[in-house]
Amino acid sequence: MDRAIDNVTAMVPALLFLCAGVPLASLLDRLEFFEALAITIDRRFEHLQVAVLWWLAGARTVVLNLDTTVVLLTPLYVRLARRAGVDPLPLALIPLLLASFASSVLPVSNLTTLIAVERFDLPVSEVFVHLAPVSAVACIAGWLAYRRRHPTALPGGRSEPVDRRAVIVGGSVVTGALIGFVAGPSAGVSPWMVAVAADLVPIAATAALGGITLLSTAAAGLVNNLPTLLVALEGARSMSGGMWAWLAGVNTGAVVVPLGALANLLWWRLVREEGIELTVRGYLGMVAPIALPAVLRAAAAMAGTRLIAG
């Protein structure tokens, strides 16, 4: 019973972040921050390369974590696509895909890795050596598969007034949240606490408290990547080669099905709020052709890494 309680407790921070993350994205949207930021980007680039958006999502996942990538980039990418007059779903896929592909580089990138690091007292360097090559291969292979199916550039250069208030207030919230996500854990402040604090600013700016509701996705979290990892940890005494491979698969392959990770559910909720209807079959049809080649190549990279690292 004690072990079961510990396992559930390990998932609580992710569930709390999920409950605070969607309201944050919704509040920033009501503040029109994403629209103002999309206009700013649109004015600066005559042709915006989608590869830039791909690697931006990857870098954000590495430095912060997969959930912040989904929360902060999905609404922005949808706005950029709509301003360019293209289908928003392919661009919205980018944060979802990179939230998995790039989430194995550092312990902070994914809660599953953090759990394993804490369980076995692993140094960051060991995580990087074993898992960073896997993420790199997944990101590259994923991009090669993505660009064969979707446009690689967006038209831009349109002149349009920018809502400076939205940029200043929203930018301050996002900047403060990013600082909190990076520096908070060392001070004992969890990411979900930062997200809750960040929620308060746009609430005050838009008076939208009555419209906020917590998501009922905790139950869905019981069948995703976190319990999958926890089950594996139960029978492990150290980070063996099999355990590194298991962790790599849990992180990189979680995107393949909607219930694979809380970030997937978070992304699905966000695109629905953007008015994009997507069925399970539609999700699989969009994600699998890109994710499966990336996962297969990542698995090969994992095998190669094991041969080199021992």
C-alpha atoms as a PDB file:
ATOM      1  CA  MET A   1       0.000   0.000   0.000  1.00  0.00           C
ATOM      2  CA  ASP A   2       2.840   2.372   0.821  1.00  0.00           C
ATOM      3  CA  ARG A   3       4.394   1.728  -2.587  1.00  0.00           C
ATOM      4  CA  ALA A   4       1.049   2.340  -4.323  1.00  0.00           C
ATOM      5  CA  ILE A   5       0.652   5.624  -2.445  1.00  0.00           C
ATOM      6  CA  ASP A   6       4.188   6.638  -3.464  1.00  0.00           C
ATOM      7  CA  ASN A   7       3.446   5.851  -7.114  1.00  0.00           C
ATOM      8  CA  VAL A   8       0.234   7.880  -7.119  1.00  0.00           C
ATOM      9  CA  THR A   9       1.981  10.715  -5.298  1.00  0.00           C
ATOM     10  CA  ALA A  10       4.637  10.787  -8.032  1.00  0.00           C
ATOM     11  CA  MET A  11       1.923  11.560 -10.594  1.00  0.00           C
ATOM     12  CA  VAL A  12       0.256  14.326  -8.599  1.00  0.00           C
ATOM     13  CA  PRO A  13       2.559  17.166  -9.784  1.00  0.00           C
ATOM     14  CA  ALA A  14       1.881  16.315 -13.433  1.00  0.00           C
ATOM     15  CA  LEU A  15      -1.868  16.183 -12.847  1.00  0.00           C
ATOM     16  CA  LEU A  16      -1.793  19.501 -11.002  1.00  0.00           C
ATOM     17  CA  PHE A  17       0.198  21.064 -13.826  1.00  0.00           C
ATOM     18  CA  LEU A  18      -2.383  19.735 -16.281  1.00  0.00           C
ATOM     19  CA  CYS A  19      -5.158  21.373 -14.265  1.00  0.00           C
ATOM     20  CA  ALA A  20      -3.308  24.697 -14.138  1.00  0.00           C
ATOM     21  CA  GLY A  21      -1.829  24.590 -17.640  1.00  0.00           C
ATOM     22  CA  VAL A  22      -5.003  24.608 -19.724  1.00  0.00           C
ATOM     23  CA  PRO A  23      -6.484  27.590 -17.852  1.00  0.00           C
ATOM     24  CA  LEU A  24      -3.184  29.434 -18.393  1.00  0.00           C
ATOM     25  CA  ALA A  25      -3.362  28.876 -22.148  1.00  0.00           C
ATOM     26  CA  SER A  26      -7.052  29.827 -22.169  1.00  0.00           C
ATOM     27  CA  LEU A  27      -6.445  32.987 -20.164  1.00  0.00           C
ATOM     28  CA  LEU A  28      -3.564  34.090 -22.366  1.00  0.00           C
ATOM     29  CA  ASP A  29      -5.829  33.477 -25.340  1.00  0.00           C
ATOM     30  CA  ARG A  30      -8.581  35.631 -23.838  1.00  0.00           C
ATOM     31  CA  LEU A  31      -5.966  38.298 -23.304  1.00  0.00           C
ATOM     32  CA  GLU A  32      -5.307  37.935 -27.084  1.00  0.00           C
ATOM     33  CA  PHE A  33      -1.622  37.341 -26.371  1.00  0.00           C
ATOM     34  CA  PHE A  34      -1.227  34.533 -28.910  1.00  0.00           C
ATOM     35  CA  GLU A  35      -2.914  36.566 -31.637  1.00  0.00           C
ATOM     36  CA  ALA A  36      -0.734  39.606 -30.890  1.00  0.00           C
ATOM     37  CA  LEU A  37       2.411  37.458 -30.885  1.00  0.00           C
ATOM     38  CA  ALA A  38       1.381  35.805 -34.157  1.00  0.00           C
ATOM     39  CA  ILE A  39       0.885  39.246 -35.741  1.00  0.00           C
ATOM     40  CA  THR A  40       4.328  40.324 -34.499  1.00  0.00           C
ATOM     41  CA  ILE A  41       5.984  37.234 -36.010  1.00  0.00           C
ATOM     42  CA  ASP A  42       3.961  37.578 -39.211  1.00  0.00           C
ATOM     43  CA  ARG A  43       5.158  41.170 -39.692  1.00  0.00           C
ATOM     44  CA  ARG A  44       8.809  40.252 -39.206  1.00  0.00           C
ATOM     45  CA  PHE A  45       9.052  37.333 -41.643  1.00  0.00           C
ATOM     46  CA  GLU A  46       8.028  37.428 -45.302  1.00  0.00           C
ATOM     47  CA  HIS A  47       8.265  33.631 -45.382  1.00  0.00           C
ATOM     48  CA  LEU A  48       8.322  31.841 -42.043  1.00  0.00           C
ATOM     49  CA  GLN A  49      10.159  28.522 -42.241  1.00  0.00           C
ATOM     50  CA  VAL A  50       8.296  25.722 -40.466  1.00  0.00           C
ATOM     51  CA  ALA A  51      11.655  24.173 -39.555  1.00  0.00           C
ATOM     52  CA  VAL A  52      12.202  27.117 -37.207  1.00  0.00           C
ATOM     53  CA  LEU A  53       8.946  26.321 -35.444  1.00  0.00           C
ATOM     54  CA  TRP A  54       9.910  22.637 -35.280  1.00  0.00           C
ATOM     55  CA  TRP A  55      13.273  23.266 -33.601  1.00  0.00           C
ATOM     56  CA  LEU A  56      11.833  25.989 -31.371  1.00  0.00           C
ATOM     57  CA  ALA A  57       9.392  23.416 -29.977  1.00  0.00           C
ATOM     58  CA  GLY A  58      12.248  20.955 -29.523  1.00  0.00           C
ATOM     59  CA  ALA A  59      14.438  23.468 -27.695  1.00  0.00           C
ATOM     60  CA  ARG A  60      11.586  24.492 -25.408  1.00  0.00           C
ATOM     61  CA  THR A  61      10.923  20.867 -24.511  1.00  0.00           C
ATOM     62  CA  VAL A  62      14.576  20.245 -23.694  1.00  0.00           C
ATOM     63  CA  VAL A  63      15.059  23.347 -21.544  1.00  0.00           C
ATOM     64  CA  LEU A  64      11.664  23.344 -19.846  1.00  0.00           C
ATOM     65  CA  ASN A  65       9.414  20.285 -20.264  1.00  0.00           C
ATOM     66  CA  LEU A  66       6.942  18.712 -22.618  1.00  0.00           C
ATOM     67  CA  ASP A  67       3.844  20.175 -20.958  1.00  0.00           C
ATOM     68  CA  THR A  68       4.970  23.802 -21.265  1.00  0.00           C
ATOM     69  CA  THR A  69       5.718  23.192 -24.942  1.00  0.00           C
ATOM     70  CA  VAL A  70       2.163  22.035 -25.533  1.00  0.00           C
ATOM     71  CA  VAL A  71       0.559  24.787 -23.420  1.00  0.00           C
ATOM     72  CA  LEU A  72       2.501  27.750 -24.788  1.00  0.00           C
ATOM     73  CA  LEU A  73       3.174  26.802 -28.415  1.00  0.00           C
ATOM     74  CA  THR A  74       0.014  25.023 -29.606  1.00  0.00           C
ATOM     75  CA  PRO A  75      -2.219  28.143 -29.503  1.00  0.00           C
ATOM     76  CA  LEU A  76       0.529  30.249 -31.078  1.00  0.00           C
ATOM     77  CA  TYR A  77       1.104  27.825 -33.941  1.00  0.00           C
ATOM     78  CA  VAL A  78      -2.632  27.623 -34.608  1.00  0.00           C
ATOM     79  CA  ARG A  79      -2.758  31.429 -34.882  1.00  0.00           C
ATOM     80  CA  LEU A  80       0.218  31.495 -37.235  1.00  0.00           C
ATOM     81  CA  ALA A  81      -1.402  28.898 -39.491  1.00  0.00           C
ATOM     82  CA  ARG A  82      -4.728  30.718 -39.605  1.00  0.00           C
ATOM     83  CA  ARG A  83      -3.053  34.013 -40.417  1.00  0.00           C
ATOM     84  CA  ALA A  84      -1.249  32.281 -43.272  1.00  0.00           C
ATOM     85  CA  GLY A  85      -4.541  30.830 -44.530  1.00  0.00           C
ATOM     86  CA  VAL A  86      -3.488  27.185 -44.153  1.00  0.00           C
ATOM     87  CA  ASP A  87      -4.946  24.225 -42.275  1.00  0.00           C
ATOM     88  CA  PRO A  88      -3.961  24.789 -38.612  1.00  0.00           C
ATOM     89  CA  LEU A  89      -3.836  21.125 -37.611  1.00  0.00           C
ATOM     90  CA  PRO A  90      -0.472  20.223 -39.225  1.00  0.00           C
ATOM     91  CA  LEU A  91       1.205  23.163 -37.514  1.00  0.00           C
ATOM     92  CA  ALA A  92      -0.534  22.362 -34.244  1.00  0.00           C
ATOM     93  CA  LEU A  93       0.973  18.873 -34.467  1.00  0.00           C
ATOM     94  CA  ILE A  94       4.487  20.245 -34.053  1.00  0.00           C
ATOM     95  CA  PRO A  95       4.324  20.983 -30.293  1.00  0.00           C
ATOM     96  CA  LEU A  96       2.627  17.623 -29.729  1.00  0.00           C
ATOM     97  CA  LEU A  97       5.301  15.686 -31.615  1.00  0.00           C
ATOM     98  CA  LEU A  98       8.303  17.530 -30.176  1.00  0.00           C
ATOM     99  CA  ALA A  99       6.875  17.246 -26.667  1.00  0.00           C
ATOM    100  CA  SER A 100       7.647  13.526 -27.012  1.00  0.00           C
ATOM    101  CA  PHE A 101      10.585  13.450 -29.405  1.00  0.00           C
ATOM    102  CA  ALA A 102      12.732  15.985 -27.483  1.00  0.00           C
ATOM    103  CA  SER A 103      11.727  14.998 -23.960  1.00  0.00           C
ATOM    104  CA  SER A 104      14.612  12.629 -23.227  1.00  0.00           C
ATOM    105  CA  VAL A 105      17.573  15.022 -23.401  1.00  0.00           C
ATOM    106  CA  LEU A 106      17.581  16.237 -19.785  1.00  0.00           C
ATOM    107  CA  PRO A 107      15.858  15.068 -16.597  1.00  0.00           C
ATOM    108  CA  VAL A 108      13.817  18.288 -16.465  1.00  0.00           C
ATOM    109  CA  SER A 109      12.378  17.636 -19.926  1.00  0.00           C
ATOM    110  CA  ASN A 110      10.038  14.866 -18.774  1.00  0.00           C
ATOM    111  CA  LEU A 111       8.599  13.861 -15.414  1.00  0.00           C
ATOM    112  CA  THR A 112       9.202  10.203 -16.226  1.00  0.00           C
ATOM    113  CA  THR A 113      12.937  10.860 -16.451  1.00  0.00           C
ATOM    114  CA  LEU A 114      12.897  12.867 -13.233  1.00  0.00           C
ATOM    115  CA  ILE A 115      11.234   9.952 -11.437  1.00  0.00           C
ATOM    116  CA  ALA A 116      13.905   7.537 -12.668  1.00  0.00           C
ATOM    117  CA  VAL A 117      16.695   9.985 -11.775  1.00  0.00           C
ATOM    118  CA  GLU A 118      15.387  10.373  -8.246  1.00  0.00           C
ATOM    119  CA  ARG A 119      14.825   6.634  -7.825  1.00  0.00           C
ATOM    120  CA  PHE A 120      18.379   5.674  -8.831  1.00  0.00           C
ATOM    121  CA  ASP A 121      20.219   8.929  -7.933  1.00  0.00           C
ATOM    122  CA  LEU A 122      21.473   9.381 -11.494  1.00  0.00           C
ATOM    123  CA  PRO A 123      23.685  12.285 -12.610  1.00  0.00           C
ATOM    124  CA  VAL A 124      22.483  14.528 -15.443  1.00  0.00           C
ATOM    125  CA  SER A 125      25.487  13.498 -17.542  1.00  0.00           C
ATOM    126  CA  GLU A 126      24.418   9.848 -17.500  1.00  0.00           C
ATOM    127  CA  VAL A 127      20.915  10.724 -18.638  1.00  0.00           C
ATOM    128  CA  PHE A 128      22.347  12.883 -21.428  1.00  0.00           C
ATOM    129  CA  VAL A 129      24.742  10.194 -22.676  1.00  0.00           C
ATOM    130  CA  HIS A 130      22.087   7.476 -22.779  1.00  0.00           C
ATOM    131  CA  LEU A 131      19.043   9.409 -23.988  1.00  0.00           C
ATOM    132  CA  ALA A 132      20.103  12.600 -25.817  1.00  0.00           C
ATOM    133  CA  PRO A 133      21.126  10.691 -29.000  1.00  0.00           C
ATOM    134  CA  VAL A 134      17.725   8.991 -28.991  1.00  0.00           C
ATOM    135  CA  SER A 135      15.936  12.342 -28.838  1.00  0.00           C
ATOM    136  CA  ALA A 136      18.190  13.826 -31.526  1.00  0.00           C
ATOM    137  CA  VAL A 137      17.460  10.977 -33.946  1.00  0.00           C
ATOM    138  CA  ALA A 138      13.736  11.119 -33.195  1.00  0.00           C
ATOM    139  CA  CYS A 139      13.626  14.881 -33.839  1.00  0.00           C
ATOM    140  CA  ILE A 140      15.538  14.629 -37.114  1.00  0.00           C
ATOM    141  CA  ALA A 141      13.630  11.600 -38.390  1.00  0.00           C
ATOM    142  CA  GLY A 142      10.362  13.169 -37.336  1.00  0.00           C
ATOM    143  CA  TRP A 143      11.163  16.341 -39.265  1.00  0.00           C
ATOM    144  CA  LEU A 144      12.061  14.396 -42.400  1.00  0.00           C
ATOM    145  CA  ALA A 145       8.738  12.562 -42.200  1.00  0.00           C
ATOM    146  CA  TYR A 146       6.803  15.744 -41.390  1.00  0.00           C
ATOM    147  CA  ARG A 147       8.151  17.822 -44.266  1.00  0.00           C
ATOM    148  CA  ARG A 148       7.186  15.136 -46.780  1.00  0.00           C
ATOM    149  CA  ARG A 149       3.543  15.483 -45.738  1.00  0.00           C
ATOM    150  CA  HIS A 150       3.112  19.140 -44.855  1.00  0.00           C
ATOM    151  CA  PRO A 151       4.181  22.615 -46.094  1.00  0.00           C
ATOM    152  CA  THR A 152       7.605  23.801 -44.947  1.00  0.00           C
ATOM    153  CA  ALA A 153       7.029  27.559 -45.223  1.00  0.00           C
ATOM    154  CA  LEU A 154       4.265  30.006 -44.309  1.00  0.00           C
ATOM    155  CA  PRO A 155       3.585  33.259 -46.152  1.00  0.00           C
ATOM    156  CA  GLY A 156       4.016  36.344 -43.990  1.00  0.00           C
ATOM    157  CA  GLY A 157       5.016  39.975 -44.194  1.00  0.00           C
ATOM    158  CA  ARG A 158       1.510  41.349 -43.676  1.00  0.00           C
ATOM    159  CA  SER A 159       1.279  44.719 -41.922  1.00  0.00           C
ATOM    160  CA  GLU A 160      -1.266  44.888 -39.129  1.00  0.00           C
ATOM    161  CA  PRO A 161      -1.480  46.788 -35.828  1.00  0.00           C
ATOM    162  CA  VAL A 162      -0.261  44.874 -32.770  1.00  0.00           C
ATOM    163  CA  ASP A 163      -2.110  44.931 -29.449  1.00  0.00           C
ATOM    164  CA  ARG A 164       0.799  46.150 -27.339  1.00  0.00           C
ATOM    165  CA  ARG A 165      -1.071  45.644 -24.078  1.00  0.00           C
ATOM    166  CA  ALA A 166      -1.589  41.983 -24.884  1.00  0.00           C
ATOM    167  CA  VAL A 167       2.088  41.595 -25.807  1.00  0.00           C
ATOM    168  CA  ILE A 168       3.316  43.348 -22.652  1.00  0.00           C
ATOM    169  CA  VAL A 169       0.970  41.665 -20.172  1.00  0.00           C
ATOM    170  CA  GLY A 170       1.061  38.241 -21.845  1.00  0.00           C
ATOM    171  CA  GLY A 171       4.795  38.443 -22.449  1.00  0.00           C
ATOM    172  CA  SER A 172       5.396  39.294 -18.802  1.00  0.00           C
ATOM    173  CA  VAL A 173       3.293  36.311 -17.705  1.00  0.00           C
ATOM    174  CA  VAL A 174       5.098  33.914 -20.052  1.00  0.00           C
ATOM    175  CA  THR A 175       8.549  35.270 -19.154  1.00  0.00           C
ATOM    176  CA  GLY A 176       7.814  35.002 -15.448  1.00  0.00           C
ATOM    177  CA  ALA A 177       6.449  31.494 -15.912  1.00  0.00           C
ATOM    178  CA  LEU A 178       9.502  30.371 -17.877  1.00  0.00           C
ATOM    179  CA  ILE A 179      11.830  31.724 -15.199  1.00  0.00           C
ATOM    180  CA  GLY A 180       9.746  29.951 -12.585  1.00  0.00           C
ATOM    181  CA  PHE A 181       9.790  26.675 -14.489  1.00  0.00           C
ATOM    182  CA  VAL A 182      13.603  26.802 -14.788  1.00  0.00           C
ATOM    183  CA  ALA A 183      14.583  28.204 -11.391  1.00  0.00           C
ATOM    184  CA  GLY A 184      11.626  27.082  -9.297  1.00  0.00           C
ATOM    185  CA  PRO A 185      12.530  23.424  -8.694  1.00  0.00           C
ATOM    186  CA  SER A 186      15.876  24.365  -7.116  1.00  0.00           C
ATOM    187  CA  ALA A 187      13.966  26.567  -4.672  1.00  0.00           C
ATOM    188  CA  GLY A 188      11.353  23.912  -3.948  1.00  0.00           C
ATOM    189  CA  VAL A 189       8.694  25.482  -6.188  1.00  0.00           C
ATOM    190  CA  SER A 190       6.990  22.926  -8.438  1.00  0.00           C
ATOM    191  CA  PRO A 191       5.987  23.797 -12.034  1.00  0.00           C
ATOM    192  CA  TRP A 192       2.296  23.456 -11.156  1.00  0.00           C
ATOM    193  CA  MET A 193       2.720  26.144  -8.498  1.00  0.00           C
ATOM    194  CA  VAL A 194       4.305  28.427 -11.090  1.00  0.00           C
ATOM    195  CA  ALA A 195       1.427  27.751 -13.500  1.00  0.00           C
ATOM    196  CA  VAL A 196      -1.164  28.565 -10.820  1.00  0.00           C
ATOM    197  CA  ALA A 197       0.639  31.823  -9.991  1.00  0.00           C
ATOM    198  CA  ALA A 198       0.838  32.665 -13.702  1.00  0.00           C
ATOM    199  CA  ASP A 199      -2.919  32.079 -13.998  1.00  0.00           C
ATOM    200  CA  LEU A 200      -3.610  34.940 -11.574  1.00  0.00           C
ATOM    201  CA  VAL A 201      -2.216  37.735 -13.762  1.00  0.00           C
ATOM    202  CA  PRO A 202      -4.432  37.222 -16.834  1.00  0.00           C
ATOM    203  CA  ILE A 203      -7.338  36.505 -14.476  1.00  0.00           C
ATOM    204  CA  ALA A 204      -6.877  39.980 -13.046  1.00  0.00           C
ATOM    205  CA  ALA A 205      -6.413  41.428 -16.527  1.00  0.00           C
ATOM    206  CA  THR A 206      -9.511  39.825 -18.074  1.00  0.00           C
ATOM    207  CA  ALA A 207     -11.808  39.251 -14.995  1.00  0.00           C
ATOM    208  CA  ALA A 208     -12.388  35.723 -16.304  1.00  0.00           C
ATOM    209  CA  LEU A 209     -12.299  33.795 -13.028  1.00  0.00           C
ATOM    210  CA  GLY A 210     -15.862  32.544 -13.386  1.00  0.00           C
ATOM    211  CA  GLY A 211     -15.088  30.919 -16.708  1.00  0.00           C
ATOM    212  CA  ILE A 212     -12.224  28.748 -15.489  1.00  0.00           C
ATOM    213  CA  THR A 213     -12.756  25.085 -14.715  1.00  0.00           C
ATOM    214  CA  LEU A 214     -10.344  22.357 -13.779  1.00  0.00           C
ATOM    215  CA  LEU A 215      -9.875  19.572 -16.254  1.00  0.00           C
ATOM    216  CA  SER A 216     -11.185  16.130 -15.444  1.00  0.00           C
ATOM    217  CA  THR A 217      -8.213  14.264 -16.895  1.00  0.00           C
ATOM    218  CA  ALA A 218      -6.687  12.780 -13.754  1.00  0.00           C
ATOM    219  CA  ALA A 219      -8.292   9.406 -14.444  1.00  0.00           C
ATOM    220  CA  ALA A 220      -6.876   9.353 -17.971  1.00  0.00           C
ATOM    221  CA  GLY A 221      -3.424   9.831 -16.494  1.00  0.00           C
ATOM    222  CA  LEU A 222      -3.704   6.429 -14.836  1.00  0.00           C
ATOM    223  CA  VAL A 223      -3.229   4.670 -18.177  1.00  0.00           C
ATOM    224  CA  ASN A 224      -0.453   6.718 -19.750  1.00  0.00           C
ATOM    225  CA  ASN A 225       3.335   6.934 -19.680  1.00  0.00           C
ATOM    226  CA  LEU A 226       3.740   7.643 -15.965  1.00  0.00           C
ATOM    227  CA  PRO A 227       2.207   4.425 -14.614  1.00  0.00           C
ATOM    228  CA  THR A 228       3.964   2.558 -17.405  1.00  0.00           C
ATOM    229  CA  LEU A 229       7.275   3.799 -16.065  1.00  0.00           C
ATOM    230  CA  LEU A 230       6.311   3.206 -12.440  1.00  0.00           C
ATOM    231  CA  VAL A 231       5.434  -0.416 -13.156  1.00  0.00           C
ATOM    232  CA  ALA A 232       8.866  -0.925 -14.697  1.00  0.00           C
ATOM    233  CA  LEU A 233      10.594   0.756 -11.762  1.00  0.00           C
ATOM    234  CA  GLU A 234       8.954  -1.656  -9.346  1.00  0.00           C
ATOM    235  CA  GLY A 235      11.072  -4.532 -10.592  1.00  0.00           C
ATOM    236  CA  ALA A 236      14.291  -2.589 -11.190  1.00  0.00           C
ATOM    237  CA  ARG A 237      17.215  -2.201  -8.806  1.00  0.00           C
ATOM    238  CA  SER A 238      19.361  -0.022 -11.073  1.00  0.00           C
ATOM    239  CA  MET A 239      19.312   1.729 -14.450  1.00  0.00           C
ATOM    240  CA  SER A 240      20.223  -1.227 -16.638  1.00  0.00           C
ATOM    241  CA  GLY A 241      20.384  -1.131 -20.414  1.00  0.00           C
ATOM    242  CA  GLY A 242      16.837  -2.432 -20.553  1.00  0.00           C
ATOM    243  CA  MET A 243      15.679   0.275 -18.170  1.00  0.00           C
ATOM    244  CA  TRP A 244      17.268   3.029 -20.277  1.00  0.00           C
ATOM    245  CA  ALA A 245      15.573   1.578 -23.359  1.00  0.00           C
ATOM    246  CA  TRP A 246      12.253   1.396 -21.508  1.00  0.00           C
ATOM    247  CA  LEU A 247      12.558   5.038 -20.446  1.00  0.00           C
ATOM    248  CA  ALA A 248      13.462   6.112 -23.986  1.00  0.00           C
ATOM    249  CA  GLY A 249      10.393   4.344 -25.352  1.00  0.00           C
ATOM    250  CA  VAL A 250       8.120   5.751 -22.657  1.00  0.00           C
ATOM    251  CA  ASN A 251       9.278   9.282 -23.486  1.00  0.00           C
ATOM    252  CA  THR A 252       9.700   9.203 -27.260  1.00  0.00           C
ATOM    253  CA  GLY A 253       6.854   6.875 -28.179  1.00  0.00           C
ATOM    254  CA  ALA A 254       4.226   8.356 -25.901  1.00  0.00           C
ATOM    255  CA  VAL A 255       2.934  10.584 -28.704  1.00  0.00           C
ATOM    256  CA  VAL A 256       1.760   7.699 -30.911  1.00  0.00           C
ATOM    257  CA  VAL A 257      -1.633   7.316 -29.189  1.00  0.00           C
ATOM    258  CA  PRO A 258      -3.705  10.021 -27.437  1.00  0.00           C
ATOM    259  CA  LEU A 259      -3.560   8.362 -24.023  1.00  0.00           C
ATOM    260  CA  GLY A 260       0.202   7.868 -24.191  1.00  0.00           C
ATOM    261  CA  ALA A 261       0.993  10.969 -22.139  1.00  0.00           C
ATOM    262  CA  LEU A 262      -0.767  13.715 -20.245  1.00  0.00           C
ATOM    263  CA  ALA A 263       0.776  16.177 -22.716  1.00  0.00           C
ATOM    264  CA  ASN A 264      -1.170  14.453 -25.522  1.00  0.00           C
ATOM    265  CA  LEU A 265      -4.441  14.913 -23.674  1.00  0.00           C
ATOM    266  CA  LEU A 266      -3.490  18.485 -22.886  1.00  0.00           C
ATOM    267  CA  TRP A 267      -2.760  19.163 -26.560  1.00  0.00           C
ATOM    268  CA  TRP A 268      -6.021  17.546 -27.663  1.00  0.00           C
ATOM    269  CA  ARG A 269      -7.983  19.728 -25.270  1.00  0.00           C
ATOM    270  CA  LEU A 270      -6.205  22.847 -26.555  1.00  0.00           C
ATOM    271  CA  VAL A 271      -6.880  22.145 -30.234  1.00  0.00           C
ATOM    272  CA  ARG A 272     -10.530  21.450 -29.407  1.00  0.00           C
ATOM    273  CA  GLU A 273     -10.696  24.841 -27.715  1.00  0.00           C
ATOM    274  CA  GLU A 274      -9.301  26.267 -30.957  1.00  0.00           C
ATOM    275  CA  GLY A 275     -12.330  24.843 -32.757  1.00  0.00           C
ATOM    276  CA  ILE A 276     -10.411  21.981 -34.392  1.00  0.00           C
ATOM    277  CA  GLU A 277     -12.378  18.740 -34.184  1.00  0.00           C
ATOM    278  CA  LEU A 278     -10.178  15.666 -34.133  1.00  0.00           C
ATOM    279  CA  THR A 279     -11.247  12.046 -33.648  1.00  0.00           C
ATOM    280  CA  VAL A 280      -9.020   9.249 -32.375  1.00  0.00           C
ATOM    281  CA  ARG A 281      -8.791   7.922 -35.923  1.00  0.00           C
ATOM    282  CA  GLY A 282      -7.859  11.382 -37.154  1.00  0.00           C
ATOM    283  CA  TYR A 283      -5.219  11.705 -34.455  1.00  0.00           C
ATOM    284  CA  LEU A 284      -3.657   8.377 -35.395  1.00  0.00           C
ATOM    285  CA  GLY A 285      -3.780   9.228 -39.079  1.00  0.00           C
ATOM    286  CA  MET A 286      -1.950  12.514 -38.531  1.00  0.00           C
ATOM    287  CA  VAL A 287       0.556  11.436 -35.884  1.00  0.00           C
ATOM    288  CA  ALA A 288       1.469   7.831 -36.704  1.00  0.00           C
ATOM    289  CA  PRO A 289       3.091   8.438 -40.154  1.00  0.00           C
ATOM    290  CA  ILE A 290       5.444  10.950 -38.525  1.00  0.00           C
ATOM    291  CA  ALA A 291       5.895   9.437 -35.081  1.00  0.00           C
ATOM    292  CA  LEU A 292       6.430   5.794 -36.029  1.00  0.00           C
ATOM    293  CA  PRO A 293       9.479   6.396 -38.292  1.00  0.00           C
ATOM    294  CA  ALA A 294      10.925   8.654 -35.605  1.00  0.00           C
ATOM    295  CA  VAL A 295      10.357   6.054 -32.887  1.00  0.00           C
ATOM    296  CA  LEU A 296      11.868   3.259 -34.983  1.00  0.00           C
ATOM    297  CA  ARG A 297      14.988   5.294 -35.686  1.00  0.00           C
ATOM    298  CA  ALA A 298      15.157   6.348 -32.058  1.00  0.00           C
ATOM    299  CA  ALA A 299      15.099   2.665 -31.092  1.00  0.00           C
ATOM    300  CA  ALA A 300      18.006   2.045 -33.433  1.00  0.00           C
ATOM    301  CA  ALA A 301      19.833   4.991 -31.888  1.00  0.00           C
ATOM    302  CA  MET A 302      19.200   3.532 -28.449  1.00  0.00           C
ATOM    303  CA  ALA A 303      20.840   0.288 -29.533  1.00  0.00           C
ATOM    304  CA  GLY A 304      23.803   2.178 -30.951  1.00  0.00           C
ATOM    305  CA  THR A 305      24.139   4.264 -27.814  1.00  0.00           C
ATOM    306  CA  ARG A 306      24.236   1.142 -25.692  1.00  0.00           C
ATOM    307  CA  LEU A 307      27.079  -0.261 -27.808  1.00  0.00           C
ATOM    308  CA  ILE A 308      29.095   2.944 -27.398  1.00  0.00           C
ATOM    309  CA  ALA A 309      28.261   3.804 -23.784  1.00  0.00           C
ATOM    310  CA  GLY A 310      28.258   0.232 -22.543  1.00  0.00           C
END
